[in-house]
Structures are given as C-alpha cells and as structure tokens.
Amino acid sequence: MQSPQLVILAQAAGAPNPMMNLVFIGLMVLIFWFIVLRPQAKEAKAHRDFVSGLKAGDEVISAGGLYGKVVSIDGAIAHVELTRGTKVRFDRNKLHPIPGSAVTVGDPEPEQKKKDD
C-alpha cells in the first residue's frame, strides 16, 4: 500500500506544460531552417543565376565531372567542347561553374589597360 505522502508528492509534481513542447518543436524547426533550408535555397538561387547567365566561352563542369568550354546554347541545350573537335550536348541545368576559377561566370571581363602610344 502506498503512503498518502507519496501520492500527494506525485500529484504536486504535475505534468510538464504542453506549451514547452511547442516551444521546443518551434526551436528545432528554426534551427533546421538556418542549418539546412536557408543555405540550400541560396545555393539553388546561385545555380539558377549561373544557368541563366551561361554564354559561349564560359568554362564549365558537367554533373558527371567533364570539364569543357561552352561553344553555343540552343534553348535548354548547351553545346560544350571537351577537347578540340569533341563537342557534347548537355542540359544547361546539369552544368556548374568550375570551383576556384578566377573569373566566375556572369562577371564582366576585367578591363584591358589602354596603352598610351
């Protein structure tokens, strides 16, 4: 048989506040958004900007790891030259900028210095 004091202590402790559970879940969603969703959205926007600004002469890497230079663009298809005489068609969305390249795609070319003669 249980003593009356233990029953009173158990009732006094009570259940945790259900609002604390909601606050905890909201905090976890916020952390997930900052760590996962926000950087992923930024990366997706950068890739969309890259694909929309793709032009002939840009150096790219394909999703399969092939490096090349864009020769021409026909709508959603980009013709990429891998080596001299080897041209391959790629879906524009499967092309990415080469990491660590000095000039990123879409940036204006550095201005040539004018020589005074």
C-alpha atoms as a PDB file:
ATOM      1  CA  MET A   1       0.000   0.000   0.000  1.00  0.00           C
ATOM      2  CA  GLN A   2       1.260   3.471  -0.861  1.00  0.00           C
ATOM      3  CA  SER A   3       1.663   6.089   1.767  1.00  0.00           C
ATOM      4  CA  PRO A   4      -0.536   9.189   1.423  1.00  0.00           C
ATOM      5  CA  GLN A   5       2.545  11.445   1.425  1.00  0.00           C
ATOM      6  CA  LEU A   6       3.925   9.854  -1.795  1.00  0.00           C
ATOM      7  CA  VAL A   7       0.586  10.232  -3.562  1.00  0.00           C
ATOM      8  CA  ILE A   8       0.432  13.921  -2.601  1.00  0.00           C
ATOM      9  CA  LEU A   9       4.026  14.491  -3.809  1.00  0.00           C
ATOM     10  CA  ALA A  10       3.300  12.756  -7.125  1.00  0.00           C
ATOM     11  CA  GLN A  11       0.240  14.932  -7.703  1.00  0.00           C
ATOM     12  CA  ALA A  12       2.104  18.104  -6.748  1.00  0.00           C
ATOM     13  CA  ALA A  13       4.817  17.487  -9.370  1.00  0.00           C
ATOM     14  CA  GLY A  14       2.202  17.535 -12.127  1.00  0.00           C
ATOM     15  CA  ALA A  15       2.704  17.097 -15.851  1.00  0.00           C
ATOM     16  CA  PRO A  16       5.023  19.343 -17.854  1.00  0.00           C
ATOM     17  CA  ASN A  17       3.460  22.336 -19.551  1.00  0.00           C
ATOM     18  CA  PRO A  18       2.373  21.415 -23.108  1.00  0.00           C
ATOM     19  CA  MET A  19       3.430  24.877 -24.310  1.00  0.00           C
ATOM     20  CA  MET A  20       7.052  23.960 -23.568  1.00  0.00           C
ATOM     21  CA  ASN A  21       6.760  21.110 -26.060  1.00  0.00           C
ATOM     22  CA  LEU A  22       5.537  23.526 -28.738  1.00  0.00           C
ATOM     23  CA  VAL A  23       8.340  25.969 -27.948  1.00  0.00           C
ATOM     24  CA  PHE A  24      10.886  23.152 -28.204  1.00  0.00           C
ATOM     25  CA  ILE A  25       9.479  21.970 -31.556  1.00  0.00           C
ATOM     26  CA  GLY A  26       9.469  25.539 -32.878  1.00  0.00           C
ATOM     27  CA  LEU A  27      13.067  25.996 -31.801  1.00  0.00           C
ATOM     28  CA  MET A  28      14.080  22.787 -33.580  1.00  0.00           C
ATOM     29  CA  VAL A  29      12.326  23.901 -36.794  1.00  0.00           C
ATOM     30  CA  LEU A  30      14.107  27.261 -36.639  1.00  0.00           C
ATOM     31  CA  ILE A  31      17.491  25.595 -36.173  1.00  0.00           C
ATOM     32  CA  PHE A  32      16.744  23.198 -39.058  1.00  0.00           C
ATOM     33  CA  TRP A  33      15.812  26.138 -41.279  1.00  0.00           C
ATOM     34  CA  PHE A  34      19.052  28.024 -40.545  1.00  0.00           C
ATOM     35  CA  ILE A  35      21.299  24.979 -40.909  1.00  0.00           C
ATOM     36  CA  VAL A  36      19.700  23.166 -43.860  1.00  0.00           C
ATOM     37  CA  LEU A  37      16.991  25.013 -45.771  1.00  0.00           C
ATOM     38  CA  ARG A  38      18.436  28.522 -45.967  1.00  0.00           C
ATOM     39  CA  PRO A  39      21.873  27.528 -47.359  1.00  0.00           C
ATOM     40  CA  GLN A  40      20.221  25.131 -49.796  1.00  0.00           C
ATOM     41  CA  ALA A  41      17.939  27.896 -51.088  1.00  0.00           C
ATOM     42  CA  LYS A  42      20.922  30.241 -51.520  1.00  0.00           C
ATOM     43  CA  GLU A  43      22.814  27.585 -53.469  1.00  0.00           C
ATOM     44  CA  ALA A  44      19.792  26.877 -55.686  1.00  0.00           C
ATOM     45  CA  LYS A  45      19.403  30.602 -56.438  1.00  0.00           C
ATOM     46  CA  ALA A  46      23.104  30.908 -57.304  1.00  0.00           C
ATOM     47  CA  HIS A  47      22.803  27.938 -59.685  1.00  0.00           C
ATOM     48  CA  ARG A  48      19.703  29.423 -61.348  1.00  0.00           C
ATOM     49  CA  ASP A  49      21.590  32.705 -61.843  1.00  0.00           C
ATOM     50  CA  PHE A  50      24.559  30.796 -63.289  1.00  0.00           C
ATOM     51  CA  VAL A  51      22.386  28.827 -65.732  1.00  0.00           C
ATOM     52  CA  SER A  52      20.502  31.929 -66.879  1.00  0.00           C
ATOM     53  CA  GLY A  53      23.773  33.831 -67.458  1.00  0.00           C
ATOM     54  CA  LEU A  54      25.513  30.987 -69.296  1.00  0.00           C
ATOM     55  CA  LYS A  55      27.054  32.097 -72.612  1.00  0.00           C
ATOM     56  CA  ALA A  56      29.505  30.885 -75.230  1.00  0.00           C
ATOM     57  CA  GLY A  57      33.094  30.886 -73.984  1.00  0.00           C
ATOM     58  CA  ASP A  58      32.294  30.075 -70.338  1.00  0.00           C
ATOM     59  CA  GLU A  59      34.256  27.213 -68.805  1.00  0.00           C
ATOM     60  CA  VAL A  60      32.022  24.705 -67.044  1.00  0.00           C
ATOM     61  CA  ILE A  61      31.990  21.313 -65.393  1.00  0.00           C
ATOM     62  CA  SER A  62      29.173  18.855 -66.000  1.00  0.00           C
ATOM     63  CA  ALA A  63      27.291  16.914 -63.343  1.00  0.00           C
ATOM     64  CA  GLY A  64      29.320  13.865 -64.456  1.00  0.00           C
ATOM     65  CA  GLY A  65      32.651  15.631 -63.933  1.00  0.00           C
ATOM     66  CA  LEU A  66      33.557  16.557 -67.509  1.00  0.00           C
ATOM     67  CA  TYR A  67      35.331  19.902 -67.939  1.00  0.00           C
ATOM     68  CA  GLY A  68      34.801  21.963 -71.061  1.00  0.00           C
ATOM     69  CA  LYS A  69      34.023  25.283 -72.684  1.00  0.00           C
ATOM     70  CA  VAL A  70      30.563  26.297 -73.862  1.00  0.00           C
ATOM     71  CA  VAL A  71      30.509  26.692 -77.655  1.00  0.00           C
ATOM     72  CA  SER A  72      26.851  27.567 -78.190  1.00  0.00           C
ATOM     73  CA  ILE A  73      23.487  27.465 -76.470  1.00  0.00           C
ATOM     74  CA  ASP A  74      20.229  26.322 -78.058  1.00  0.00           C
ATOM     75  CA  GLY A  75      17.410  26.852 -75.569  1.00  0.00           C
ATOM     76  CA  ALA A  76      17.814  24.267 -72.804  1.00  0.00           C
ATOM     77  CA  ILE A  77      20.757  22.547 -74.540  1.00  0.00           C
ATOM     78  CA  ALA A  78      24.355  23.734 -74.259  1.00  0.00           C
ATOM     79  CA  HIS A  79      26.988  22.536 -76.717  1.00  0.00           C
ATOM     80  CA  VAL A  80      30.241  22.054 -74.800  1.00  0.00           C
ATOM     81  CA  GLU A  81      33.663  21.447 -76.334  1.00  0.00           C
ATOM     82  CA  LEU A  82      35.617  18.999 -74.163  1.00  0.00           C
ATOM     83  CA  THR A  83      38.740  18.850 -76.351  1.00  0.00           C
ATOM     84  CA  ARG A  84      39.472  20.133 -79.850  1.00  0.00           C
ATOM     85  CA  GLY A  85      36.882  18.646 -82.140  1.00  0.00           C
ATOM     86  CA  THR A  86      34.945  16.888 -79.351  1.00  0.00           C
ATOM     87  CA  LYS A  87      31.626  18.616 -78.798  1.00  0.00           C
ATOM     88  CA  VAL A  88      28.953  17.235 -76.490  1.00  0.00           C
ATOM     89  CA  ARG A  89      25.389  18.375 -75.831  1.00  0.00           C
ATOM     90  CA  PHE A  90      24.382  18.936 -72.199  1.00  0.00           C
ATOM     91  CA  ASP A  91      21.244  20.028 -70.436  1.00  0.00           C
ATOM     92  CA  ARG A  92      22.017  23.569 -69.223  1.00  0.00           C
ATOM     93  CA  ASN A  93      20.788  22.720 -65.715  1.00  0.00           C
ATOM     94  CA  LYS A  94      23.442  19.991 -65.406  1.00  0.00           C
ATOM     95  CA  LEU A  95      26.348  22.410 -65.856  1.00  0.00           C
ATOM     96  CA  HIS A  96      28.167  24.121 -62.976  1.00  0.00           C
ATOM     97  CA  PRO A  97      30.905  26.740 -62.708  1.00  0.00           C
ATOM     98  CA  ILE A  98      34.405  25.406 -62.188  1.00  0.00           C
ATOM     99  CA  PRO A  99      35.264  25.721 -58.482  1.00  0.00           C
ATOM    100  CA  GLY A 100      38.159  28.017 -57.724  1.00  0.00           C
ATOM    101  CA  SER A 101      38.116  29.710 -61.121  1.00  0.00           C
ATOM    102  CA  ALA A 102      39.485  33.236 -61.103  1.00  0.00           C
ATOM    103  CA  VAL A 103      36.616  34.773 -63.072  1.00  0.00           C
ATOM    104  CA  THR A 104      33.150  33.475 -62.227  1.00  0.00           C
ATOM    105  CA  VAL A 105      30.519  33.134 -64.906  1.00  0.00           C
ATOM    106  CA  GLY A 106      28.368  36.204 -65.305  1.00  0.00           C
ATOM    107  CA  ASP A 107      31.035  38.610 -64.057  1.00  0.00           C
ATOM    108  CA  PRO A 108      32.188  41.199 -66.573  1.00  0.00           C
ATOM    109  CA  GLU A 109      35.598  40.615 -68.107  1.00  0.00           C
ATOM    110  CA  PRO A 110      38.427  42.577 -66.484  1.00  0.00           C
ATOM    111  CA  GLU A 111      39.012  45.776 -68.407  1.00  0.00           C
ATOM    112  CA  GLN A 112      42.064  45.861 -70.637  1.00  0.00           C
ATOM    113  CA  LYS A 113      44.566  48.555 -69.753  1.00  0.00           C
ATOM    114  CA  LYS A 114      44.897  51.097 -72.540  1.00  0.00           C
ATOM    115  CA  LYS A 115      48.419  51.686 -73.701  1.00  0.00           C
ATOM    116  CA  ASP A 116      49.398  55.276 -74.319  1.00  0.00           C
ATOM    117  CA  ASP A 117      51.318  55.495 -77.612  1.00  0.00           C
END
